[in-house]
Amino acid sequence: MIVPHFAVQRQMKKVAIFVSILCTLFGFTTAHSQNPSLKLPKPPIAKPGEYDTIGVKMSSEVAKEAAGIIEQPINPEEYILGPQDGVTLFIGALEPKLYDLTVSPEARLIIPGIGVINVKGKTLAETEKLVAVKVASVYKTQAVSLSLKRLRQFKVMVIGSVRSPGYIPASPADRLSEIIERAGRLLFNGSQRRITIQREGVTKPIVADLVRFYLLGEKAGNPTLQGGDVVNVAPYPEREIVEVYGEVAAPGAFEFVEGDMLSTMLRFTQGVLPSAFMDSIEIIRFKNNGSATERISVDATGWQQNLLTGHGQFRNDIPIHAGDRIFVRGLPDWHSGATVAIKGEVRFPGRYGINPDGTTISEVIERAGGFTNEAAIEHAVLIRRSDLKDEPDYEYIRLLGQPIASMSEREKAYFREAQRQIRGKIAIDFTKLDDKNSAANKIFLKQDDSVHVPPKNIFVNIAGRVNVPGKVLYKPSLTYKDYIKLAGGYAYKADEGETIIVKPQGEQLLASDSPNGIEAGDNIIVPEVRESKVTFLDVLTVIAQVITIVGVVYTLSRPR
């Protein structure tokens, strides 16, 4: 059956919409996490009971692409020949000869017309010397060259906390991390620093440390493998970790292994920040594996550069114990208080650097190019966000958690006024900034201050219970009642006595009590009559209307 092209497009579009909905529901995002915890460049770890088929497939593809690729030239003094290695032998006799040879499964090199050489455990350089001696017994020449042509393939066993344990194909150029990729990557409980490699003929297992490889680039932590190796990925030691906090590039928790030093852990965090206070790095250590702790202070002055390079001496370096918590404090007032924001009707709005001890509003306004011709300078405001943190309104916070019905009249009044208040607003008359002696120029700006300069408004906005709500052109001679008439007058159930005026800066007051009348940009709001304010006369009116309607219906329904 052939599916029409437009039908395929329709199905693909449905799939795309479905994926988009899933991303929205589960909060997937491409933005970088603000979590400062260290993220190692390792494969994603599966949760208990999960099996990441896509991850395993990707690992397999990467492993196939990297198979047989060497990272640097082979060192003949180190490379050990083994079964299935391919070599090229050149003999420069009277009649030069060239042989393409393969090491046999018994680790022997068979040279036609010359003989057999046992190469088990021999390096490429050692084998070349043995071949030269063997060739000299047949040909009178010293021109013998042996080079590696093809890397052998062998099997290693991977067990422990990996997704697909078992026999894995490998080559002498493959490192441990690549073999773990082919085994399906680490499980959720797989260790990265306690991976052991048991090798034939070696009594003590080789311990690999992938964290040192991933974070410090130490290749010794990610060794190459040999045929018959058994790789065992131990479980993650939940109770044997070291945590690093404070002024480091990537704080987090790290596995502990015997021999770790304070400098080791700081290098794992990619070094300390310039703001770090190195005179007294604090270590909290458990005493005798109990709950009691002791405090250790280390003077690490001069470590910064060495932590980045890994070279040099770390004076006062000490061993770390499992469970230690390391705190790198920051220098007081390090680059504190740097910028303020200016928005609205200035020529160059944006953020500006300040000196917390001496920058005034007029100086920043001048740097921002001054006010535009459309600026409503009298309505400009300065908001100090730091006051919101330093001076919390505990009473307002308490009332937020209470139902309105349970509040006393005094609490209701306080709650209402607190909601109307613009928190953090500094009382400044921006129209007097030109006067260097004014109070406005005696206030210094602080970090995260923001100045908003609104545009001029030539309208008055009427909202609420009026017949034609909307904006009306401002005229200085009109009262609030005149504006309500221009908006069609009061509508049904309008609470005329509770009409309020909201100023552009947020101030609210009863229209009947407004001392300055109506100004451009004001909002006139006519609320609806509350049920509690319905009078006895209103009730009688409604009852009379109901009786009238009932009478009309009764009259119309009578038989004639």
Protein backbone atom coordinates (compact mmCIF):
# COMPACT_ATOMS: atom_id res chain seq x y z
CA MET A 1 0.00 0.00 0.00
CA ILE A 2 1.42 3.39 -1.04
CA VAL A 3 0.81 6.21 1.45
CA PRO A 4 0.19 9.61 -0.22
CA HIS A 5 2.84 12.23 0.43
CA PHE A 6 0.37 14.65 2.03
CA ALA A 7 -0.79 11.92 4.43
CA VAL A 8 2.80 11.35 5.58
CA GLN A 9 3.23 15.07 6.20
CA ARG A 10 0.00 15.14 8.21
CA GLN A 11 1.16 12.23 10.41
CA MET A 12 4.57 13.84 10.96
CA LYS A 13 2.87 17.09 11.98
CA LYS A 14 0.72 15.21 14.53
CA VAL A 15 3.82 13.57 15.98
CA ALA A 16 5.58 16.94 16.25
CA ILE A 17 2.58 18.46 18.07
CA PHE A 18 2.43 15.49 20.45
CA VAL A 19 6.15 15.81 21.26
CA SER A 20 5.71 19.55 21.83
CA ILE A 21 2.85 18.90 24.30
CA LEU A 22 4.95 16.36 26.18
CA CYS A 23 7.84 18.82 26.44
CA THR A 24 5.47 21.45 27.84
CA LEU A 25 3.91 19.08 30.38
CA PHE A 26 7.18 17.76 31.72
CA GLY A 27 9.02 21.08 31.63
CA PHE A 28 11.77 20.07 29.19
CA THR A 29 14.00 22.99 28.24
CA THR A 30 17.20 23.66 26.33
CA ALA A 31 18.39 26.34 28.73
CA HIS A 32 21.51 25.60 30.81
CA SER A 33 20.85 24.60 34.37
CA GLN A 34 21.69 27.13 37.10
CA ASN A 35 22.44 24.27 39.40
CA PRO A 36 26.10 24.70 40.27
CA SER A 37 26.55 20.98 41.02
CA LEU A 38 29.23 19.29 38.99
CA LYS A 39 28.08 17.44 35.86
CA LEU A 40 30.64 14.90 34.78
CA PRO A 41 31.00 14.33 31.00
CA LYS A 42 29.84 10.75 31.33
CA PRO A 43 26.96 8.85 29.74
CA PRO A 44 23.48 9.38 31.22
CA ILE A 45 22.83 7.03 34.13
CA ALA A 46 19.73 4.83 34.05
CA LYS A 47 17.38 4.78 37.01
CA PRO A 48 16.41 1.52 38.71
CA GLY A 49 14.27 -0.58 36.40
CA GLU A 50 14.95 1.58 33.33
CA TYR A 51 16.71 0.57 30.13
CA ASP A 52 17.72 3.36 27.77
CA THR A 53 17.52 1.68 24.37
CA ILE A 54 18.35 4.91 22.54
CA GLY A 55 21.41 5.46 24.74
CA VAL A 56 22.62 1.90 24.17
CA LYS A 57 22.15 2.26 20.42
CA MET A 58 24.07 5.55 20.38
CA SER A 59 26.85 3.95 22.42
CA SER A 60 27.07 1.09 19.95
CA GLU A 61 27.27 3.49 17.00
CA VAL A 62 29.99 5.56 18.66
CA ALA A 63 31.90 2.39 19.55
CA LYS A 64 31.77 1.16 15.94
CA GLU A 65 33.01 4.48 14.60
CA ALA A 66 35.91 4.55 17.09
CA ALA A 67 36.89 0.90 16.65
CA GLY A 68 40.53 0.55 15.60
CA ILE A 69 41.19 4.31 15.69
CA ILE A 70 44.43 5.09 17.48
CA GLU A 71 44.92 8.31 19.44
CA GLN A 72 48.67 8.60 18.80
CA PRO A 73 51.51 6.72 17.02
CA ILE A 74 52.19 3.22 18.35
CA ASN A 75 55.31 3.04 20.53
CA PRO A 76 57.27 -0.10 19.45
CA GLU A 77 58.91 -0.21 22.88
CA GLU A 78 55.51 -0.54 24.61
CA TYR A 79 53.16 -2.29 22.18
CA ILE A 80 52.91 -6.02 23.00
CA LEU A 81 52.14 -8.27 20.04
CA GLY A 82 49.35 -10.82 20.28
CA PRO A 83 47.27 -13.23 18.19
CA GLN A 84 45.72 -11.73 15.01
CA ASP A 85 48.11 -8.75 14.91
CA GLY A 86 49.17 -8.06 11.31
CA VAL A 87 52.80 -7.07 10.65
CA THR A 88 54.88 -6.26 7.58
CA LEU A 89 58.44 -7.67 7.34
CA PHE A 90 60.97 -6.11 4.95
CA ILE A 91 64.29 -7.88 4.23
CA GLY A 92 66.81 -5.86 2.24
CA ALA A 93 68.90 -8.73 0.75
CA LEU A 94 70.20 -9.04 -2.84
CA GLU A 95 66.61 -9.69 -3.75
CA PRO A 96 64.51 -7.55 -1.34
CA LYS A 97 61.58 -9.40 0.16
CA LEU A 98 58.34 -8.13 1.64
CA TYR A 99 56.10 -10.30 3.83
CA ASP A 100 52.59 -9.65 5.16
CA LEU A 101 52.36 -11.79 8.29
CA THR A 102 49.77 -12.48 10.98
CA VAL A 103 50.56 -13.58 14.52
CA SER A 104 49.07 -17.06 15.02
CA PRO A 105 46.62 -17.94 17.83
CA GLU A 106 49.61 -19.50 19.66
CA ALA A 107 51.37 -16.09 19.57
CA ARG A 108 53.88 -17.26 16.95
CA LEU A 109 55.21 -15.40 13.92
CA ILE A 110 55.74 -17.76 10.99
CA ILE A 111 58.15 -16.41 8.32
CA PRO A 112 58.15 -18.54 5.13
CA GLY A 113 61.61 -19.89 4.33
CA ILE A 114 63.09 -18.49 7.53
CA GLY A 115 61.39 -20.03 10.54
CA VAL A 116 59.04 -19.58 13.49
CA ILE A 117 59.43 -17.04 16.32
CA ASN A 118 57.53 -17.11 19.63
CA VAL A 119 56.34 -13.54 20.30
CA LYS A 120 54.18 -14.15 23.38
CA GLY A 121 54.59 -11.20 25.75
CA LYS A 122 57.10 -9.53 23.38
CA THR A 123 56.95 -5.91 22.34
CA LEU A 124 57.15 -4.90 18.69
CA ALA A 125 60.75 -3.67 19.18
CA GLU A 126 61.81 -6.91 20.89
CA THR A 127 60.20 -8.97 18.12
CA GLU A 128 62.05 -6.95 15.46
CA LYS A 129 65.39 -7.85 17.10
CA LEU A 130 64.46 -11.54 17.25
CA VAL A 131 63.44 -11.48 13.59
CA ALA A 132 66.72 -9.77 12.62
CA VAL A 133 68.72 -12.55 14.32
CA LYS A 134 66.62 -15.22 12.61
CA VAL A 135 66.94 -13.57 9.20
CA ALA A 136 70.73 -13.19 9.59
CA SER A 137 71.02 -16.97 9.87
CA VAL A 138 69.56 -17.30 6.36
CA TYR A 139 70.46 -14.08 4.54
CA LYS A 140 73.68 -12.12 4.83
CA THR A 141 71.98 -8.81 5.58
CA GLN A 142 71.23 -6.57 8.52
CA ALA A 143 68.52 -4.61 6.69
CA VAL A 144 65.49 -5.97 8.52
CA SER A 145 62.42 -3.89 9.37
CA LEU A 146 59.24 -5.01 11.14
CA SER A 147 56.22 -2.70 11.32
CA LEU A 148 52.67 -3.07 12.62
CA LYS A 149 50.08 -3.13 9.85
CA ARG A 150 46.84 -4.18 11.51
CA LEU A 151 45.64 -4.11 15.13
CA ARG A 152 44.25 -7.33 16.49
CA GLN A 153 40.76 -7.81 17.91
CA PHE A 154 40.13 -9.64 21.16
CA LYS A 155 37.47 -10.04 23.84
CA VAL A 156 37.32 -8.67 27.38
CA MET A 157 34.70 -9.41 30.01
CA VAL A 158 32.77 -6.55 31.62
CA ILE A 159 30.80 -7.26 34.80
CA GLY A 160 29.18 -5.24 37.56
CA SER A 161 27.12 -2.05 37.28
CA VAL A 162 26.77 -1.77 33.48
CA ARG A 163 23.66 -2.22 31.34
CA SER A 164 24.94 -5.08 29.19
CA PRO A 165 27.55 -7.14 31.07
CA GLY A 166 29.37 -9.89 29.17
CA TYR A 167 32.11 -10.31 26.58
CA ILE A 168 32.93 -7.11 24.66
CA PRO A 169 35.12 -6.87 21.50
CA ALA A 170 38.17 -4.63 21.89
CA SER A 171 41.53 -3.73 20.40
CA PRO A 172 44.85 -2.67 21.97
CA ALA A 173 44.02 0.95 21.09
CA ASP A 174 40.72 0.99 23.00
CA ARG A 175 40.57 2.51 26.45
CA LEU A 176 38.36 1.49 29.35
CA SER A 177 35.79 4.26 28.79
CA GLU A 178 35.17 2.99 25.23
CA ILE A 179 34.65 -0.56 26.46
CA ILE A 180 32.10 0.67 29.03
CA GLU A 181 30.30 2.48 26.19
CA ARG A 182 30.02 -0.81 24.29
CA ALA A 183 28.70 -2.48 27.43
CA GLY A 184 25.75 -0.07 27.45
CA ARG A 185 27.22 2.56 29.81
CA LEU A 186 27.10 2.69 33.60
CA LEU A 187 24.03 1.88 35.62
CA PHE A 188 22.58 4.36 38.14
CA ASN A 189 24.73 2.84 40.89
CA GLY A 190 27.96 2.46 38.93
CA SER A 191 31.20 3.81 40.40
CA GLN A 192 33.61 5.81 38.27
CA ARG A 193 36.61 5.67 40.57
CA ARG A 194 36.59 2.04 41.71
CA ILE A 195 36.71 0.11 38.44
CA THR A 196 39.13 -2.81 38.66
CA ILE A 197 40.81 -4.69 35.79
CA GLN A 198 41.96 -8.23 36.51
CA ARG A 199 44.71 -9.23 34.05
CA GLU A 200 46.14 -12.68 33.42
CA GLY A 201 49.53 -13.10 35.05
CA VAL A 202 49.07 -10.02 37.27
CA THR A 203 48.20 -10.76 40.89
CA LYS A 204 47.15 -7.25 41.91
CA PRO A 205 44.20 -5.82 39.94
CA ILE A 206 44.59 -2.54 38.07
CA VAL A 207 42.38 0.23 39.52
CA ALA A 208 40.98 2.74 37.01
CA ASP A 209 39.77 6.21 37.96
CA LEU A 210 37.56 7.71 35.25
CA VAL A 211 36.95 10.88 37.28
CA ARG A 212 40.65 11.69 37.03
CA PHE A 213 40.45 11.04 33.30
CA TYR A 214 37.25 13.07 32.68
CA LEU A 215 38.12 16.03 34.93
CA LEU A 216 41.92 16.15 34.95
CA GLY A 217 42.76 14.48 31.63
CA GLU A 218 44.95 11.84 33.29
CA LYS A 219 45.14 8.95 30.82
CA ALA A 220 46.44 6.66 33.54
CA GLY A 221 42.91 6.72 34.98
CA ASN A 222 41.56 5.33 31.69
CA PRO A 223 43.97 2.52 30.72
CA THR A 224 44.03 0.44 27.54
CA LEU A 225 43.02 -3.22 27.78
CA GLN A 226 44.44 -6.58 26.80
CA GLY A 227 42.81 -9.80 25.70
CA GLY A 228 41.25 -11.75 28.55
CA ASP A 229 40.96 -8.76 30.90
CA VAL A 230 38.01 -8.80 33.32
CA VAL A 231 36.57 -5.34 34.01
CA ASN A 232 34.53 -5.06 37.22
CA VAL A 233 32.47 -1.87 37.77
CA ALA A 234 31.88 -1.60 41.52
CA PRO A 235 28.71 0.00 43.01
CA TYR A 236 28.75 3.70 43.84
CA PRO A 237 29.83 4.20 47.50
CA GLU A 238 26.93 6.27 48.81
CA ARG A 239 28.50 6.77 52.25
CA GLU A 240 32.04 7.41 51.05
CA ILE A 241 31.81 10.73 49.32
CA VAL A 242 33.42 14.14 49.82
CA GLU A 243 31.41 17.34 49.33
CA VAL A 244 32.92 20.65 48.25
CA TYR A 245 31.06 23.95 48.65
CA GLY A 246 31.75 27.64 48.20
CA GLU A 247 33.97 29.64 45.89
CA VAL A 248 34.95 26.88 43.46
CA ALA A 249 34.17 26.61 39.76
CA ALA A 250 32.01 23.48 40.01
CA PRO A 251 30.97 22.54 43.57
CA GLY A 252 29.55 19.07 44.13
CA ALA A 253 29.97 15.63 45.68
CA PHE A 254 32.76 13.27 44.65
CA GLU A 255 33.60 9.65 45.30
CA PHE A 256 36.36 9.16 47.82
CA VAL A 257 39.30 6.82 47.27
CA GLU A 258 42.22 6.24 49.56
CA GLY A 259 45.02 8.71 48.94
CA ASP A 260 42.87 11.70 47.97
CA MET A 261 44.28 15.03 49.11
CA LEU A 262 42.63 18.40 49.63
CA SER A 263 44.28 19.60 46.41
CA THR A 264 42.78 16.60 44.58
CA MET A 265 39.23 17.58 45.51
CA LEU A 266 39.78 21.23 44.62
CA ARG A 267 41.14 20.15 41.23
CA PHE A 268 38.03 18.03 40.70
CA THR A 269 35.97 21.23 41.06
CA GLN A 270 38.04 22.77 38.22
CA GLY A 271 39.83 25.10 40.59
CA VAL A 272 38.84 27.96 42.88
CA LEU A 273 37.31 31.28 41.84
CA PRO A 274 39.23 34.57 42.06
CA SER A 275 36.91 35.49 44.94
CA ALA A 276 38.05 32.51 47.05
CA PHE A 277 39.46 33.23 50.50
CA MET A 278 42.43 30.84 50.47
CA ASP A 279 43.86 31.74 53.89
CA SER A 280 41.53 29.37 55.75
CA ILE A 281 39.80 26.60 53.80
CA GLU A 282 37.57 24.80 56.27
CA ILE A 283 37.17 21.01 56.50
CA ILE A 284 34.44 19.46 58.67
CA ARG A 285 35.41 15.87 59.57
CA PHE A 286 33.57 13.17 61.51
CA LYS A 287 35.37 11.89 64.58
CA ASN A 288 35.90 8.13 64.83
CA ASN A 289 33.17 7.47 62.26
CA GLY A 290 30.58 8.90 64.67
CA SER A 291 28.23 11.87 64.48
CA ALA A 292 30.58 14.25 66.32
CA THR A 293 32.70 16.46 64.06
CA GLU A 294 35.86 18.48 64.20
CA ARG A 295 36.90 21.57 62.28
CA ILE A 296 40.19 21.74 60.38
CA SER A 297 41.51 24.95 58.84
CA VAL A 298 44.08 24.86 56.02
CA ASP A 299 46.08 27.82 54.72
CA ALA A 300 46.10 27.24 50.93
CA THR A 301 47.58 30.58 49.92
CA GLY A 302 49.25 30.37 46.51
CA TRP A 303 47.38 27.28 45.29
CA GLN A 304 45.26 28.96 42.60
CA GLN A 305 47.57 28.55 39.59
CA ASN A 306 48.78 25.09 40.60
CA LEU A 307 45.20 23.85 40.88
CA LEU A 308 44.62 24.71 37.23
CA THR A 309 47.84 23.24 35.87
CA GLY A 310 48.28 20.34 38.28
CA HIS A 311 51.95 21.21 38.64
CA GLY A 312 53.94 22.70 41.47
CA GLN A 313 53.78 22.27 45.22
CA PHE A 314 50.67 22.46 47.39
CA ARG A 315 51.96 23.77 50.69
CA ASN A 316 50.03 22.51 53.75
CA ASP A 317 48.18 19.90 51.64
CA ILE A 318 46.52 17.23 53.81
CA PRO A 319 44.83 13.85 53.18
CA ILE A 320 41.03 13.82 52.87
CA HIS A 321 38.81 11.30 54.69
CA ALA A 322 35.54 9.77 53.54
CA GLY A 323 32.61 11.99 54.55
CA ASP A 324 34.62 15.21 54.73
CA ARG A 325 32.89 18.45 53.81
CA ILE A 326 35.09 21.17 52.37
CA PHE A 327 34.10 24.85 52.47
CA VAL A 328 35.93 27.52 50.45
CA ARG A 329 34.76 30.88 51.72
CA GLY A 330 34.56 34.01 49.59
CA LEU A 331 36.32 37.32 50.09
CA PRO A 332 34.03 39.88 51.78
CA ASP A 333 32.41 42.39 49.39
CA TRP A 334 34.05 40.82 46.34
CA HIS A 335 32.90 43.00 43.41
CA SER A 336 29.68 43.71 45.29
CA GLY A 337 27.22 46.34 44.11
CA ALA A 338 27.94 47.00 40.46
CA THR A 339 24.87 47.91 38.36
CA VAL A 340 21.46 49.58 38.34
CA ALA A 341 18.71 49.45 35.71
CA ILE A 342 17.13 52.46 33.99
CA LYS A 343 13.97 51.88 31.95
CA GLY A 344 11.51 54.03 30.13
CA GLU A 345 11.83 57.51 28.69
CA VAL A 346 15.60 58.11 28.70
CA ARG A 347 17.73 58.21 25.56
CA PHE A 348 19.79 55.10 26.39
CA PRO A 349 17.89 52.77 28.74
CA GLY A 350 19.74 49.76 30.15
CA ARG A 351 22.08 48.75 32.97
CA TYR A 352 24.79 51.08 34.27
CA GLY A 353 27.73 50.49 36.53
CA ILE A 354 27.81 52.42 39.79
CA ASN A 355 29.99 53.15 42.75
CA PRO A 356 27.88 52.08 45.76
CA ASP A 357 29.52 54.80 47.86
CA GLY A 358 28.89 57.80 45.66
CA THR A 359 26.71 57.50 42.52
CA THR A 360 23.54 59.64 42.50
CA ILE A 361 20.42 59.36 40.34
CA SER A 362 21.19 62.55 38.43
CA GLU A 363 24.63 61.17 37.46
CA VAL A 364 23.14 57.97 36.06
CA ILE A 365 20.34 59.84 34.26
CA GLU A 366 23.00 62.03 32.65
CA ARG A 367 24.98 58.95 31.53
CA ALA A 368 21.74 57.55 30.08
CA GLY A 369 21.45 60.59 27.82
CA GLY A 370 18.89 62.44 29.91
CA PHE A 371 15.09 62.38 29.73
CA THR A 372 13.31 62.28 26.39
CA ASN A 373 10.68 64.85 25.40
CA GLU A 374 7.98 62.26 26.14
CA ALA A 375 9.12 61.59 29.71
CA ALA A 376 6.62 62.09 32.54
CA ILE A 377 9.35 63.16 34.96
CA GLU A 378 6.95 63.85 37.82
CA HIS A 379 5.82 60.22 37.74
CA ALA A 380 9.29 58.62 37.65
CA VAL A 381 10.03 56.17 40.48
CA LEU A 382 13.08 54.60 42.14
CA ILE A 383 12.64 51.04 43.43
CA ARG A 384 15.18 49.64 45.92
CA ARG A 385 14.94 45.85 45.65
CA SER A 386 17.41 45.24 48.43
CA ASP A 387 14.87 46.65 50.91
CA LEU A 388 12.43 43.91 49.94
CA LYS A 389 14.92 41.35 51.24
CA ASP A 390 16.26 43.29 54.21
CA GLU A 391 12.92 44.63 55.50
CA PRO A 392 10.22 41.94 55.12
CA ASP A 393 6.69 42.90 56.12
CA TYR A 394 5.95 40.10 58.59
CA GLU A 395 2.45 41.34 59.37
CA TYR A 396 1.49 41.33 55.69
CA ILE A 397 3.00 37.86 55.28
CA ARG A 398 0.97 36.66 58.27
CA LEU A 399 -2.28 38.08 56.89
CA LEU A 400 -1.67 36.47 53.51
CA GLY A 401 -2.30 33.11 55.12
CA GLN A 402 -5.63 34.11 56.69
CA PRO A 403 -9.11 34.24 55.13
CA ILE A 404 -10.49 37.76 54.78
CA ALA A 405 -13.57 36.83 56.81
CA SER A 406 -11.44 36.01 59.87
CA MET A 407 -9.62 39.38 59.90
CA SER A 408 -10.55 42.21 62.21
CA GLU A 409 -11.44 45.58 60.71
CA ARG A 410 -8.00 46.92 61.63
CA GLU A 411 -6.31 43.91 59.98
CA LYS A 412 -8.43 44.36 56.85
CA ALA A 413 -7.44 48.01 56.65
CA TYR A 414 -3.75 47.17 57.08
CA PHE A 415 -3.96 44.36 54.52
CA ARG A 416 -5.71 46.62 52.02
CA GLU A 417 -3.14 49.39 52.37
CA ALA A 418 -0.23 46.94 52.20
CA GLN A 419 -1.54 45.62 48.90
CA ARG A 420 -1.75 49.14 47.51
CA GLN A 421 1.75 50.02 48.62
CA ILE A 422 4.62 49.92 46.10
CA ARG A 423 7.21 48.09 48.17
CA GLY A 424 10.76 49.32 47.88
CA LYS A 425 9.75 52.72 46.45
CA ILE A 426 12.03 55.58 47.50
CA ALA A 427 10.32 58.96 47.85
CA ILE A 428 12.17 61.21 45.36
CA ASP A 429 11.05 64.28 43.42
CA PHE A 430 12.64 63.73 40.00
CA THR A 431 11.65 67.22 38.88
CA LYS A 432 14.33 68.63 41.23
CA LEU A 433 17.30 66.57 39.98
CA ASP A 434 18.86 69.70 38.46
CA ASP A 435 19.22 71.16 41.95
CA LYS A 436 22.49 69.74 43.30
CA ASN A 437 21.42 70.56 46.85
CA SER A 438 18.08 68.78 46.65
CA ALA A 439 17.32 65.69 48.74
CA ALA A 440 17.12 63.67 45.51
CA ASN A 441 20.86 64.17 44.92
CA LYS A 442 21.80 63.12 48.43
CA ILE A 443 20.65 59.53 47.97
CA PHE A 444 23.28 57.14 46.61
CA LEU A 445 22.20 54.26 44.39
CA LYS A 446 22.66 50.65 45.47
CA GLN A 447 23.05 47.32 43.70
CA ASP A 448 19.87 46.22 41.85
CA ASP A 449 18.17 49.63 42.18
CA SER A 450 15.87 50.35 39.25
CA VAL A 451 14.63 53.67 37.88
CA HIS A 452 11.47 53.75 35.74
CA VAL A 453 10.54 56.86 33.77
CA PRO A 454 7.02 56.46 32.27
CA PRO A 455 5.88 58.28 29.12
CA LYS A 456 3.51 61.24 29.24
CA ASN A 457 -0.15 60.32 29.27
CA ILE A 458 -2.75 62.71 27.79
CA PHE A 459 -5.69 60.51 28.72
CA VAL A 460 -7.74 59.68 31.80
CA ASN A 461 -8.89 56.08 32.01
CA ILE A 462 -12.42 55.33 33.34
CA ALA A 463 -13.15 51.74 34.31
CA GLY A 464 -15.68 49.74 36.30
CA ARG A 465 -19.43 50.32 36.52
CA VAL A 466 -19.82 53.03 33.84
CA ASN A 467 -21.78 52.69 30.63
CA VAL A 468 -18.89 53.34 28.22
CA PRO A 469 -15.59 52.50 29.97
CA GLY A 470 -12.35 53.57 28.29
CA LYS A 471 -9.94 56.47 27.85
CA VAL A 472 -11.01 60.12 27.70
CA LEU A 473 -8.81 63.00 26.57
CA TYR A 474 -7.49 64.91 29.58
CA LYS A 475 -8.77 68.43 30.24
CA PRO A 476 -7.51 70.28 33.34
CA SER A 477 -10.86 71.92 34.08
CA LEU A 478 -12.88 68.70 34.39
CA THR A 479 -13.77 66.96 37.65
CA TYR A 480 -14.01 63.21 38.11
CA LYS A 481 -17.80 63.41 37.73
CA ASP A 482 -17.35 65.19 34.39
CA TYR A 483 -15.18 62.33 33.17
CA ILE A 484 -17.77 59.78 34.31
CA LYS A 485 -20.42 61.66 32.31
CA LEU A 486 -18.15 61.52 29.26
CA ALA A 487 -17.94 57.75 29.84
CA GLY A 488 -21.73 57.42 29.64
CA GLY A 489 -22.50 57.97 33.31
CA TYR A 490 -22.85 55.49 36.14
CA ALA A 491 -24.05 52.02 35.18
CA TYR A 492 -26.47 49.79 37.11
CA LYS A 493 -25.30 48.90 40.64
CA ALA A 494 -22.46 51.45 40.54
CA ASP A 495 -21.19 52.36 44.00
CA GLU A 496 -20.88 56.11 43.44
CA GLY A 497 -19.64 56.88 46.93
CA GLU A 498 -16.74 54.42 46.59
CA THR A 499 -15.36 55.78 43.32
CA ILE A 500 -11.57 55.81 43.58
CA ILE A 501 -8.71 57.45 41.73
CA VAL A 502 -5.52 55.48 41.10
CA LYS A 503 -2.50 57.66 40.36
CA PRO A 504 0.20 56.55 37.85
CA GLN A 505 2.59 55.95 40.76
CA GLY A 506 0.13 53.56 42.44
CA GLU A 507 -1.45 55.86 45.05
CA GLN A 508 -5.16 55.22 45.64
CA LEU A 509 -7.70 57.60 47.16
CA LEU A 510 -11.45 58.25 47.18
CA ALA A 511 -12.50 60.52 44.33
CA SER A 512 -14.50 62.72 46.72
CA ASP A 513 -11.37 63.24 48.86
CA SER A 514 -8.90 63.93 46.04
CA PRO A 515 -7.18 67.23 46.91
CA ASN A 516 -5.62 67.87 43.50
CA GLY A 517 -8.51 66.87 41.28
CA ILE A 518 -7.86 64.78 38.19
CA GLU A 519 -4.45 64.68 36.47
CA ALA A 520 -3.31 63.23 33.16
CA GLY A 521 -2.73 59.48 33.47
CA ASP A 522 -5.14 58.99 36.36
CA ASN A 523 -7.43 55.96 36.50
CA ILE A 524 -11.00 56.52 37.70
CA ILE A 525 -12.54 53.26 38.91
CA VAL A 526 -16.20 52.90 39.80
CA PRO A 527 -16.75 49.70 41.82
CA GLU A 528 -19.90 47.62 41.99
CA VAL A 529 -22.14 47.91 45.05
CA ARG A 530 -21.28 45.18 47.53
CA GLU A 531 -24.11 42.89 48.60
CA SER A 532 -23.75 44.12 52.18
CA LYS A 533 -24.52 47.67 51.05
CA VAL A 534 -27.91 46.88 49.48
CA THR A 535 -30.49 49.09 51.28
CA PHE A 536 -34.05 48.31 52.37
CA LEU A 537 -35.30 50.59 49.59
CA ASP A 538 -33.37 48.56 47.03
CA VAL A 539 -35.02 45.39 48.36
CA LEU A 540 -38.50 46.94 48.13
CA THR A 541 -37.78 48.05 44.57
CA VAL A 542 -36.75 44.55 43.54
CA ILE A 543 -39.82 43.01 45.25
CA ALA A 544 -42.11 45.50 43.50
CA GLN A 545 -40.58 44.62 40.15
CA VAL A 546 -41.05 40.92 40.83
CA ILE A 547 -44.72 41.46 41.83
CA THR A 548 -45.32 43.49 38.66
CA ILE A 549 -43.87 40.74 36.49
CA VAL A 550 -45.94 38.06 38.25
CA GLY A 551 -49.12 40.14 37.76
CA VAL A 552 -48.48 40.60 34.04
CA VAL A 553 -47.87 36.87 33.60
CA TYR A 554 -51.06 36.02 35.54
CA THR A 555 -53.16 38.47 33.47
CA LEU A 556 -51.87 37.06 30.18
CA SER A 557 -52.47 33.49 31.27
CA ARG A 558 -56.17 33.94 32.28
CA PRO A 559 -58.69 32.31 29.93
CA ARG A 560 -60.96 34.63 27.98
